[in-house]
Every structure is written in C-alpha cells, then in structure tokens.
PDB file of N, CA and C in Angstrom:
ATOM      1  N   UNK A   1      -3.328  71.269-140.788  1.00  0.00           N
ATOM      2  CA  UNK A   1      -2.068  70.887-140.148  1.00  0.00           C
ATOM      3  C   UNK A   1      -2.071  71.297-138.748  1.00  0.00           C
ATOM      4  N   UNK A   2      -2.559  72.365-138.334  1.00  0.00           N
ATOM      5  CA  UNK A   2      -2.671  72.821-136.961  1.00  0.00           C
ATOM      6  C   UNK A   2      -3.268  71.667-135.938  1.00  0.00           C
ATOM      7  N   UNK A   3      -4.402  71.023-136.574  1.00  0.00           N
ATOM      8  CA  UNK A   3      -4.937  69.996-135.782  1.00  0.00           C
ATOM      9  C   UNK A   3      -4.203  68.903-135.561  1.00  0.00           C
ATOM     10  N   UNK A   4      -3.477  68.520-136.669  1.00  0.00           N
ATOM     11  CA  UNK A   4      -2.637  67.281-136.359  1.00  0.00           C
ATOM     12  C   UNK A   4      -1.430  67.592-135.409  1.00  0.00           C
ATOM     13  N   UNK A   5      -0.993  68.839-135.439  1.00  0.00           N
ATOM     14  CA  UNK A   5       0.095  69.185-134.549  1.00  0.00           C
ATOM     15  C   UNK A   5      -0.376  69.257-133.123  1.00  0.00           C
ATOM     16  N   UNK A   6      -1.455  69.751-132.834  1.00  0.00           N
ATOM     17  CA  UNK A   6      -2.351  69.761-131.690  1.00  0.00           C
ATOM     18  C   UNK A   6      -2.516  68.420-131.092  1.00  0.00           C
ATOM     19  N   UNK A   7      -3.000  67.662-131.979  1.00  0.00           N
ATOM     20  CA  UNK A   7      -3.325  66.296-131.667  1.00  0.00           C
ATOM     21  C   UNK A   7      -2.014  65.410-131.092  1.00  0.00           C
ATOM     22  N   UNK A   8      -1.120  65.721-131.941  1.00  0.00           N
ATOM     23  CA  UNK A   8       0.324  64.995-131.565  1.00  0.00           C
ATOM     24  C   UNK A   8       0.662  65.296-130.270  1.00  0.00           C
ATOM     25  N   UNK A   9       0.556  66.626-129.887  1.00  0.00           N
ATOM     26  CA  UNK A   9       1.139  67.067-128.684  1.00  0.00           C
ATOM     27  C   UNK A   9       0.307  66.405-127.564  1.00  0.00           C
ATOM     28  N   UNK A  10      -1.007  66.453-127.642  1.00  0.00           N
ATOM     29  CA  UNK A  10      -1.770  65.745-126.638  1.00  0.00           C
ATOM     30  C   UNK A  10      -1.518  64.244-126.517  1.00  0.00           C
ATOM     31  N   UNK A  11      -1.348  63.567-127.599  1.00  0.00           N
ATOM     32  CA  UNK A  11      -0.995  62.088-127.674  1.00  0.00           C
ATOM     33  C   UNK A  11       0.346  62.013-126.791  1.00  0.00           C
ATOM     34  N   UNK A  12       1.207  62.624-127.102  1.00  0.00           N
ATOM     35  CA  UNK A  12       2.585  62.674-126.574  1.00  0.00           C
ATOM     36  C   UNK A  12       2.535  62.722-125.063  1.00  0.00           C
ATOM     37  N   UNK A  13       1.538  63.728-124.600  1.00  0.00           N
ATOM     38  CA  UNK A  13       1.585  63.918-123.105  1.00  0.00           C
ATOM     39  C   UNK A  13       0.879  62.728-122.425  1.00  0.00           C
ATOM     40  N   UNK A  14      -0.254  62.322-123.239  1.00  0.00           N
ATOM     41  CA  UNK A  14      -0.883  61.045-122.667  1.00  0.00           C
ATOM     42  C   UNK A  14      -0.117  59.804-122.576  1.00  0.00           C
ATOM     43  N   UNK A  15       0.741  59.551-123.584  1.00  0.00           N
ATOM     44  CA  UNK A  15       1.638  58.451-123.512  1.00  0.00           C
ATOM     45  C   UNK A  15       2.762  58.557-122.389  1.00  0.00           C
ATOM     46  N   UNK A  16       3.226  59.819-122.286  1.00  0.00           N
ATOM     47  CA  UNK A  16       4.228  59.944-121.204  1.00  0.00           C
ATOM     48  C   UNK A  16       3.583  59.845-119.762  1.00  0.00           C
ATOM     49  N   UNK A  17       2.301  60.079-119.597  1.00  0.00           N
ATOM     50  CA  UNK A  17       1.623  60.163-118.402  1.00  0.00           C
ATOM     51  C   UNK A  17       1.409  58.584-118.078  1.00  0.00           C
ATOM     52  N   UNK A  18       0.904  57.792-119.212  1.00  0.00           N
ATOM     53  CA  UNK A  18       0.705  56.302-119.001  1.00  0.00           C
ATOM     54  C   UNK A  18       2.152  55.696-118.646  1.00  0.00           C
ATOM     55  N   UNK A  19       3.060  55.977-119.191  1.00  0.00           N
ATOM     56  CA  UNK A  19       4.365  55.426-119.025  1.00  0.00           C
ATOM     57  C   UNK A  19       5.009  55.587-117.602  1.00  0.00           C
ATOM     58  N   UNK A  20       4.777  56.892-117.032  1.00  0.00           N
ATOM     59  CA  UNK A  20       5.005  57.226-115.823  1.00  0.00           C
ATOM     60  C   UNK A  20       4.168  56.390-114.686  1.00  0.00           C
ATOM     61  N   UNK A  21       2.940  56.234-115.015  1.00  0.00           N
ATOM     62  CA  UNK A  21       1.915  55.467-114.095  1.00  0.00           C
ATOM     63  C   UNK A  21       2.479  54.025-114.164  1.00  0.00           C
ATOM     64  N   UNK A  22       2.817  53.484-115.126  1.00  0.00           N
ATOM     65  CA  UNK A  22       3.376  52.128-115.274  1.00  0.00           C
ATOM     66  C   UNK A  22       4.565  51.938-114.459  1.00  0.00           C
ATOM     67  N   UNK A  23       5.563  52.850-114.577  1.00  0.00           N
ATOM     68  CA  UNK A  23       6.845  52.725-113.838  1.00  0.00           C
ATOM     69  C   UNK A  23       6.407  52.986-112.369  1.00  0.00           C
ATOM     70  N   UNK A  24       5.532  53.790-111.886  1.00  0.00           N
ATOM     71  CA  UNK A  24       5.276  54.087-110.635  1.00  0.00           C
ATOM     72  C   UNK A  24       4.644  52.746-110.058  1.00  0.00           C
ATOM     73  N   UNK A  25       3.670  52.056-110.874  1.00  0.00           N
ATOM     74  CA  UNK A  25       2.973  50.830-110.328  1.00  0.00           C
ATOM     75  C   UNK A  25       4.067  49.748-110.202  1.00  0.00           C
ATOM     76  N   UNK A  26       5.104  49.528-110.902  1.00  0.00           N
ATOM     77  CA  UNK A  26       6.151  48.722-110.865  1.00  0.00           C
ATOM     78  C   UNK A  26       6.876  48.908-109.437  1.00  0.00           C
ATOM     79  N   UNK A  27       7.299  50.167-109.180  1.00  0.00           N
ATOM     80  CA  UNK A  27       8.061  50.607-108.053  1.00  0.00           C
ATOM     81  C   UNK A  27       7.138  50.265-106.811  1.00  0.00           C
ATOM     82  N   UNK A  28       5.699  50.576-106.835  1.00  0.00           N
ATOM     83  CA  UNK A  28       4.855  50.283-105.749  1.00  0.00           C
ATOM     84  C   UNK A  28       4.840  48.924-105.454  1.00  0.00           C
ATOM     85  N   UNK A  29       4.695  47.969-106.458  1.00  0.00           N
ATOM     86  CA  UNK A  29       4.577  46.534-106.220  1.00  0.00           C
ATOM     87  C   UNK A  29       5.931  46.132-105.630  1.00  0.00           C
ATOM     88  N   UNK A  30       7.075  46.595-106.046  1.00  0.00           N
ATOM     89  CA  UNK A  30       8.447  46.127-105.478  1.00  0.00           C
ATOM     90  C   UNK A  30       8.630  46.480-104.060  1.00  0.00           C
ATOM     91  N   UNK A  31       8.136  47.699-103.672  1.00  0.00           N
ATOM     92  CA  UNK A  31       8.234  48.075-102.322  1.00  0.00           C
ATOM     93  C   UNK A  31       7.169  47.487-101.476  1.00  0.00           C
ATOM     94  N   UNK A  32       6.076  47.332-102.030  1.00  0.00           N
ATOM     95  CA  UNK A  32       4.933  46.727-101.206  1.00  0.00           C
ATOM     96  C   UNK A  32       5.163  45.400-100.828  1.00  0.00           C
ATOM     97  N   UNK A  33       5.667  44.487-101.673  1.00  0.00           N
ATOM     98  CA  UNK A  33       5.825  43.143-101.292  1.00  0.00           C
ATOM     99  C   UNK A  33       7.209  43.051-100.668  1.00  0.00           C
ATOM    100  N   UNK A  34       8.062  43.915-100.809  1.00  0.00           N
ATOM    101  CA  UNK A  34       9.456  43.818 -99.940  1.00  0.00           C
ATOM    102  C   UNK A  34      10.445  43.424-100.883  1.00  0.00           C
ATOM    103  N   UNK A  35      10.485  43.409-102.071  1.00  0.00           N
ATOM    104  CA  UNK A  35      11.417  42.838-103.047  1.00  0.00           C
ATOM    105  C   UNK A  35      12.693  43.429-102.846  1.00  0.00           C
ATOM    106  N   UNK A  36      13.802  42.921-103.017  1.00  0.00           N
ATOM    107  CA  UNK A  36      15.114  43.272-103.079  1.00  0.00           C
ATOM    108  C   UNK A  36      15.253  43.955-104.349  1.00  0.00           C
ATOM    109  N   UNK A  37      15.159  45.497-104.300  1.00  0.00           N
ATOM    110  CA  UNK A  37      14.989  46.136-105.567  1.00  0.00           C
ATOM    111  C   UNK A  37      16.320  45.962-106.454  1.00  0.00           C
ATOM    112  N   UNK A  38      17.453  45.893-105.871  1.00  0.00           N
ATOM    113  CA  UNK A  38      18.620  45.642-106.677  1.00  0.00           C
ATOM    114  C   UNK A  38      18.617  44.171-107.347  1.00  0.00           C
ATOM    115  N   UNK A  39      18.179  43.324-106.864  1.00  0.00           N
ATOM    116  CA  UNK A  39      18.014  42.022-107.380  1.00  0.00           C
ATOM    117  C   UNK A  39      17.139  41.924-108.638  1.00  0.00           C
ATOM    118  N   UNK A  40      16.200  42.629-108.580  1.00  0.00           N
ATOM    119  CA  UNK A  40      15.302  42.769-109.841  1.00  0.00           C
ATOM    120  C   UNK A  40      15.426  44.075-110.647  1.00  0.00           C
ATOM    121  N   UNK A  41      16.578  44.615-110.586  1.00  0.00           N
ATOM    122  CA  UNK A  41      16.844  45.727-111.278  1.00  0.00           C
ATOM    123  C   UNK A  41      16.726  45.758-112.750  1.00  0.00           C
ATOM    124  N   UNK A  42      17.015  44.612-113.548  1.00  0.00           N
ATOM    125  CA  UNK A  42      17.071  44.493-114.746  1.00  0.00           C
ATOM    126  C   UNK A  42      15.662  44.039-115.226  1.00  0.00           C
ATOM    127  N   UNK A  43      14.858  43.463-114.424  1.00  0.00           N
ATOM    128  CA  UNK A  43      13.677  42.968-114.711  1.00  0.00           C
ATOM    129  C   UNK A  43      12.333  44.106-114.703  1.00  0.00           C
ATOM    130  N   UNK A  44      12.516  45.056-113.945  1.00  0.00           N
ATOM    131  CA  UNK A  44      11.314  45.875-113.542  1.00  0.00           C
ATOM    132  C   UNK A  44      10.702  46.499-114.765  1.00  0.00           C
ATOM    133  N   UNK A  45      11.353  47.177-115.547  1.00  0.00           N
ATOM    134  CA  UNK A  45      10.503  47.809-116.851  1.00  0.00           C
ATOM    135  C   UNK A  45      10.285  46.742-117.886  1.00  0.00           C
ATOM    136  N   UNK A  46      10.780  45.536-117.854  1.00  0.00           N
ATOM    137  CA  UNK A  46      10.551  44.522-118.980  1.00  0.00           C
ATOM    138  C   UNK A  46       9.761  43.397-118.616  1.00  0.00           C
ATOM    139  N   UNK A  47       9.469  43.246-117.449  1.00  0.00           N
ATOM    140  CA  UNK A  47       8.636  41.866-116.958  1.00  0.00           C
ATOM    141  C   UNK A  47       7.395  42.462-116.249  1.00  0.00           C
ATOM    142  N   UNK A  48       6.362  41.752-116.502  1.00  0.00           N
ATOM    143  CA  UNK A  48       5.066  42.041-115.882  1.00  0.00           C
ATOM    144  C   UNK A  48       5.050  41.951-114.366  1.00  0.00           C
ATOM    145  N   UNK A  49       4.081  42.685-113.644  1.00  0.00           N
ATOM    146  CA  UNK A  49       3.909  42.632-112.245  1.00  0.00           C
ATOM    147  C   UNK A  49       3.514  41.042-111.774  1.00  0.00           C
ATOM    148  N   UNK A  50       2.825  40.492-112.483  1.00  0.00           N
ATOM    149  CA  UNK A  50       2.511  39.096-112.384  1.00  0.00           C
ATOM    150  C   UNK A  50       3.816  38.168-112.263  1.00  0.00           C
ATOM    151  N   UNK A  51       4.553  38.491-113.306  1.00  0.00           N
ATOM    152  CA  UNK A  51       5.889  37.465-113.408  1.00  0.00           C
ATOM    153  C   UNK A  51       6.843  37.844-112.300  1.00  0.00           C
ATOM    154  N   UNK A  52       6.801  39.151-111.949  1.00  0.00           N
ATOM    155  CA  UNK A  52       7.625  39.419-110.792  1.00  0.00           C
ATOM    156  C   UNK A  52       7.117  38.933-109.506  1.00  0.00           C
ATOM    157  N   UNK A  53       5.921  38.832-109.334  1.00  0.00           N
ATOM    158  CA  UNK A  53       5.356  38.140-108.045  1.00  0.00           C
ATOM    159  C   UNK A  53       5.647  36.637-108.062  1.00  0.00           C
ATOM    160  N   UNK A  54       5.524  36.048-109.172  1.00  0.00           N
ATOM    161  CA  UNK A  54       6.010  34.542-109.361  1.00  0.00           C
ATOM    162  C   UNK A  54       7.481  34.456-108.890  1.00  0.00           C
ATOM    163  N   UNK A  55       8.261  35.414-109.574  1.00  0.00           N
ATOM    164  CA  UNK A  55       9.779  35.107-109.278  1.00  0.00           C
ATOM    165  C   UNK A  55       9.989  35.543-107.744  1.00  0.00           C
ATOM    166  N   UNK A  56       9.353  36.307-107.294  1.00  0.00           N
ATOM    167  CA  UNK A  56       9.519  36.691-105.831  1.00  0.00           C
ATOM    168  C   UNK A  56       9.053  35.452-104.809  1.00  0.00           C
ATOM    169  N   UNK A  57       7.932  34.984-105.341  1.00  0.00           N
ATOM    170  CA  UNK A  57       7.580  33.758-104.490  1.00  0.00           C
ATOM    171  C   UNK A  57       8.635  32.560-104.567  1.00  0.00           C
ATOM    172  N   UNK A  58       9.230  32.382-105.825  1.00  0.00           N
ATOM    173  CA  UNK A  58      10.159  31.467-106.018  1.00  0.00           C
ATOM    174  C   UNK A  58      11.450  31.780-105.331  1.00  0.00           C
ATOM    175  N   UNK A  59      11.775  33.074-105.308  1.00  0.00           N
ATOM    176  CA  UNK A  59      13.001  33.397-104.546  1.00  0.00           C
ATOM    177  C   UNK A  59      12.859  33.120-103.008  1.00  0.00           C
ATOM    178  N   UNK A  60      11.600  33.305-102.396  1.00  0.00           N
ATOM    179  CA  UNK A  60      11.349  33.115-101.065  1.00  0.00           C
ATOM    180  C   UNK A  60      11.581  31.559-100.598  1.00  0.00           C
ATOM    181  N   UNK A  61      11.591  30.665-101.708  1.00  0.00           N
ATOM    182  CA  UNK A  61      11.711  29.289-101.533  1.00  0.00           C
ATOM    183  C   UNK A  61      13.300  28.915-101.368  1.00  0.00           C
ATOM    184  N   UNK A  62      14.085  29.757-101.967  1.00  0.00           N
ATOM    185  CA  UNK A  62      15.565  29.528-102.169  1.00  0.00           C
ATOM    186  C   UNK A  62      16.127  29.314-100.714  1.00  0.00           C
ATOM    187  N   UNK A  63      15.609  29.819 -99.593  1.00  0.00           N
ATOM    188  CA  UNK A  63      16.121  29.452 -98.272  1.00  0.00           C
ATOM    189  C   UNK A  63      15.988  27.851 -97.861  1.00  0.00           C
ATOM    190  N   UNK A  64      14.893  27.293 -98.449  1.00  0.00           N
ATOM    191  CA  UNK A  64      14.557  25.905 -98.057  1.00  0.00           C
ATOM    192  C   UNK A  64      14.984  24.883 -99.169  1.00  0.00           C
ATOM    193  N   UNK A  65      15.052  25.271-100.418  1.00  0.00           N
ATOM    194  CA  UNK A  65      15.400  24.467-101.489  1.00  0.00           C
ATOM    195  C   UNK A  65      16.952  24.588-102.049  1.00  0.00           C
ATOM    196  N   UNK A  66      17.392  25.816-102.039  1.00  0.00           N
ATOM    197  CA  UNK A  66      18.638  26.100-102.738  1.00  0.00           C
ATOM    198  C   UNK A  66      18.698  25.454-104.001  1.00  0.00           C
ATOM    199  N   UNK A  67      20.004  24.761-104.211  1.00  0.00           N
ATOM    200  CA  UNK A  67      20.278  24.407-105.544  1.00  0.00           C
ATOM    201  C   UNK A  67      19.659  22.983-105.982  1.00  0.00           C
ATOM    202  N   UNK A  68      18.850  22.441-104.949  1.00  0.00           N
ATOM    203  CA  UNK A  68      18.287  21.056-105.159  1.00  0.00           C
ATOM    204  C   UNK A  68      17.282  21.020-106.194  1.00  0.00           C
ATOM    205  N   UNK A  69      17.357  20.666-107.290  1.00  0.00           N
ATOM    206  CA  UNK A  69      16.360  20.558-108.298  1.00  0.00           C
ATOM    207  C   UNK A  69      15.344  19.560-108.220  1.00  0.00           C
ATOM    208  N   UNK A  70      15.522  18.605-107.421  1.00  0.00           N
ATOM    209  CA  UNK A  70      14.647  17.521-106.976  1.00  0.00           C
ATOM    210  C   UNK A  70      13.608  18.156-106.113  1.00  0.00           C
ATOM    211  N   UNK A  71      13.975  18.893-105.067  1.00  0.00           N
ATOM    212  CA  UNK A  71      12.991  19.591-104.199  1.00  0.00           C
ATOM    213  C   UNK A  71      12.327  20.736-104.761  1.00  0.00           C
ATOM    214  N   UNK A  72      12.987  21.382-105.779  1.00  0.00           N
ATOM    215  CA  UNK A  72      12.481  22.561-106.526  1.00  0.00           C
ATOM    216  C   UNK A  72      11.322  22.040-107.501  1.00  0.00           C
ATOM    217  N   UNK A  73      11.699  21.101-108.194  1.00  0.00           N
ATOM    218  CA  UNK A  73      10.578  20.452-109.153  1.00  0.00           C
ATOM    219  C   UNK A  73      10.507  21.334-110.404  1.00  0.00           C
ATOM    220  N   UNK A  74      11.125  22.476-110.368  1.00  0.00           N
ATOM    221  CA  UNK A  74      11.209  23.381-111.765  1.00  0.00           C
ATOM    222  C   UNK A  74       9.983  23.605-112.255  1.00  0.00           C
ATOM    223  N   UNK A  75       8.744  23.626-111.563  1.00  0.00           N
ATOM    224  CA  UNK A  75       7.455  23.903-112.070  1.00  0.00           C
ATOM    225  C   UNK A  75       7.369  25.344-112.699  1.00  0.00           C
ATOM    226  N   UNK A  76       7.845  26.303-112.168  1.00  0.00           N
ATOM    227  CA  UNK A  76       7.620  27.583-112.722  1.00  0.00           C
ATOM    228  C   UNK A  76       8.340  27.699-113.979  1.00  0.00           C
ATOM    229  N   UNK A  77       9.448  27.075-114.229  1.00  0.00           N
ATOM    230  CA  UNK A  77      10.304  27.024-115.392  1.00  0.00           C
ATOM    231  C   UNK A  77       9.412  26.317-116.501  1.00  0.00           C
ATOM    232  N   UNK A  78       8.842  25.211-116.226  1.00  0.00           N
ATOM    233  CA  UNK A  78       8.106  24.491-117.310  1.00  0.00           C
ATOM    234  C   UNK A  78       6.809  25.107-117.595  1.00  0.00           C
ATOM    235  N   UNK A  79       6.129  25.787-116.595  1.00  0.00           N
ATOM    236  CA  UNK A  79       4.720  26.096-116.747  1.00  0.00           C
ATOM    237  C   UNK A  79       4.870  27.774-117.351  1.00  0.00           C
ATOM    238  N   UNK A  80       5.716  28.642-116.827  1.00  0.00           N
ATOM    239  CA  UNK A  80       5.740  30.000-117.097  1.00  0.00           C
ATOM    240  C   UNK A  80       6.959  30.520-117.811  1.00  0.00           C
ATOM    241  N   UNK A  81       7.906  29.545-117.958  1.00  0.00           N
ATOM    242  CA  UNK A  81       9.212  29.988-118.638  1.00  0.00           C
ATOM    243  C   UNK A  81       9.984  30.972-117.755  1.00  0.00           C
ATOM    244  N   UNK A  82       9.726  31.068-116.456  1.00  0.00           N
ATOM    245  CA  UNK A  82      10.332  31.872-115.577  1.00  0.00           C
ATOM    246  C   UNK A  82      11.416  31.296-114.630  1.00  0.00           C
ATOM    247  N   UNK A  83      12.577  31.891-114.188  1.00  0.00           N
ATOM    248  CA  UNK A  83      13.327  31.171-113.455  1.00  0.00           C
ATOM    249  C   UNK A  83      12.895  30.571-112.229  1.00  0.00           C
ATOM    250  N   UNK A  84      13.192  29.208-111.874  1.00  0.00           N
ATOM    251  CA  UNK A  84      12.564  28.452-110.699  1.00  0.00           C
ATOM    252  C   UNK A  84      13.669  28.608-109.698  1.00  0.00           C
ATOM    253  N   UNK A  85      13.292  28.101-108.504  1.00  0.00           N
ATOM    254  CA  UNK A  85      13.975  28.421-107.243  1.00  0.00           C
ATOM    255  C   UNK A  85      15.472  27.831-107.347  1.00  0.00           C
ATOM    256  N   UNK A  86      15.790  26.580-107.958  1.00  0.00           N
ATOM    257  CA  UNK A  86      17.121  26.286-107.901  1.00  0.00           C
ATOM    258  C   UNK A  86      18.112  27.168-108.952  1.00  0.00           C
ATOM    259  N   UNK A  87      17.344  27.821-109.876  1.00  0.00           N
ATOM    260  CA  UNK A  87      18.107  28.675-110.729  1.00  0.00           C
ATOM    261  C   UNK A  87      18.287  30.087-109.979  1.00  0.00           C
ATOM    262  N   UNK A  88      17.238  30.514-109.298  1.00  0.00           N
ATOM    263  CA  UNK A  88      17.349  31.828-108.546  1.00  0.00           C
ATOM    264  C   UNK A  88      18.340  31.800-107.366  1.00  0.00           C
ATOM    265  N   UNK A  89      18.779  30.442-106.916  1.00  0.00           N
ATOM    266  CA  UNK A  89      19.730  30.483-105.836  1.00  0.00           C
ATOM    267  C   UNK A  89      21.188  31.002-106.256  1.00  0.00           C
ATOM    268  N   UNK A  90      21.324  30.862-107.646  1.00  0.00           N
ATOM    269  CA  UNK A  90      22.624  31.382-108.195  1.00  0.00           C
ATOM    270  C   UNK A  90      22.657  33.002-107.890  1.00  0.00           C
ATOM    271  N   UNK A  91      21.582  33.485-107.963  1.00  0.00           N
ATOM    272  CA  UNK A  91      21.447  35.099-107.859  1.00  0.00           C
ATOM    273  C   UNK A  91      21.195  35.597-106.398  1.00  0.00           C
ATOM    274  N   UNK A  92      21.666  34.904-105.361  1.00  0.00           N
ATOM    275  CA  UNK A  92      21.348  35.317-104.103  1.00  0.00           C
ATOM    276  C   UNK A  92      21.508  36.739-103.743  1.00  0.00           C
ATOM    277  N   UNK A  93      22.624  37.342-104.134  1.00  0.00           N
ATOM    278  CA  UNK A  93      23.074  38.683-103.817  1.00  0.00           C
ATOM    279  C   UNK A  93      23.313  39.452-104.982  1.00  0.00           C
ATOM    280  N   UNK A  94      23.003  38.904-106.231  1.00  0.00           N
ATOM    281  CA  UNK A  94      23.466  39.637-107.522  1.00  0.00           C
ATOM    282  C   UNK A  94      22.215  39.941-108.263  1.00  0.00           C
ATOM    283  N   UNK A  95      22.215  40.619-109.379  1.00  0.00           N
ATOM    284  CA  UNK A  95      21.135  40.988-110.255  1.00  0.00           C
ATOM    285  C   UNK A  95      20.677  39.764-111.046  1.00  0.00           C
ATOM    286  N   UNK A  96      19.406  39.471-111.227  1.00  0.00           N
ATOM    287  CA  UNK A  96      18.869  38.445-112.017  1.00  0.00           C
ATOM    288  C   UNK A  96      18.921  39.053-113.480  1.00  0.00           C
ATOM    289  N   UNK A  97      19.550  38.410-114.278  1.00  0.00           N
ATOM    290  CA  UNK A  97      19.532  38.819-115.806  1.00  0.00           C
ATOM    291  C   UNK A  97      18.270  38.814-116.533  1.00  0.00           C
ATOM    292  N   UNK A  98      18.088  39.639-117.401  1.00  0.00           N
ATOM    293  CA  UNK A  98      16.798  39.596-118.154  1.00  0.00           C
ATOM    294  C   UNK A  98      16.641  38.333-119.081  1.00  0.00           C
ATOM    295  N   UNK A  99      17.719  37.783-119.421  1.00  0.00           N
ATOM    296  CA  UNK A  99      17.660  36.574-120.354  1.00  0.00           C
ATOM    297  C   UNK A  99      17.282  35.485-119.749  1.00  0.00           C
ATOM    298  N   UNK A 100      17.096  35.357-118.339  1.00  0.00           N
ATOM    299  CA  UNK A 100      16.596  34.362-117.491  1.00  0.00           C
ATOM    300  C   UNK A 100      15.050  34.311-117.757  1.00  0.00           C
ATOM    301  N   UNK A 101      14.401  35.268-118.152  1.00  0.00           N
ATOM    302  CA  UNK A 101      12.923  35.272-118.426  1.00  0.00           C
ATOM    303  C   UNK A 101      12.593  35.108-119.848  1.00  0.00           C
ATOM    304  N   UNK A 102      11.671  34.199-120.196  1.00  0.00           N
ATOM    305  CA  UNK A 102      11.309  33.939-121.427  1.00  0.00           C
ATOM    306  C   UNK A 102      10.732  35.335-121.989  1.00  0.00           C
ATOM    307  N   UNK A 103      10.923  35.759-123.353  1.00  0.00           N
ATOM    308  CA  UNK A 103      10.370  36.924-123.974  1.00  0.00           C
ATOM    309  C   UNK A 103       8.962  37.127-123.828  1.00  0.00           C
ATOM    310  N   UNK A 104       8.224  35.914-123.893  1.00  0.00           N
ATOM    311  CA  UNK A 104       6.656  36.049-123.879  1.00  0.00           C
ATOM    312  C   UNK A 104       6.177  35.970-122.437  1.00  0.00           C
TER     313      UNK A 104
END
C-alpha cells in the first residue's frame, strides 16, 4: 500500500508539471506571434496551437476581406471546421466563443 501511495504522489506531480508546461507553451505561442490575448481567451486551454495559428492567420485577413464571404472563400471552415475570415470579422474587438471551433 505504501508503494501505491508513493507512486500516486509521483504521478500527480508529473501530471501537474506537464499541465503547467502545456499552459506555458500556449502563452508563449500567443505572445510570440502577437495574438490579441483577450480575443483568444476562451480558446487558449481548449484549442491546439496549430488551430490557434490558423485562426490568427485568418484574423489577419479580416482587414482585407471583412464580412465578404465571396472573397473569404470560407476554406478554413470547410477544411478544418475553424472560423473563417468572414466569421472572425464579427469578433473584431470581442472574445471568440469556444463553440465557433469544432470539437475535433
């Protein structure tokens, strides 16, 4: 019983360390690329770094495309089930809700 208790304490510490490393990597990505942190606040702990980078690239296109779905093409929506440029135009100064990103 002492071995199980000791092992559990070690596993708990390892899991906590991994969790902190993952959160730190997300924050590093956000600051490194220059994301508007408040805009992505609801996505940070739930969406992969790869998806965040796709969303950030689409958000950069908002300046040129805005709400025009013809120029947007909605490619990211169809291929990755992530919000495309014309959808992100609605969230220019607010927080992107988590339900805009597909669960997978």
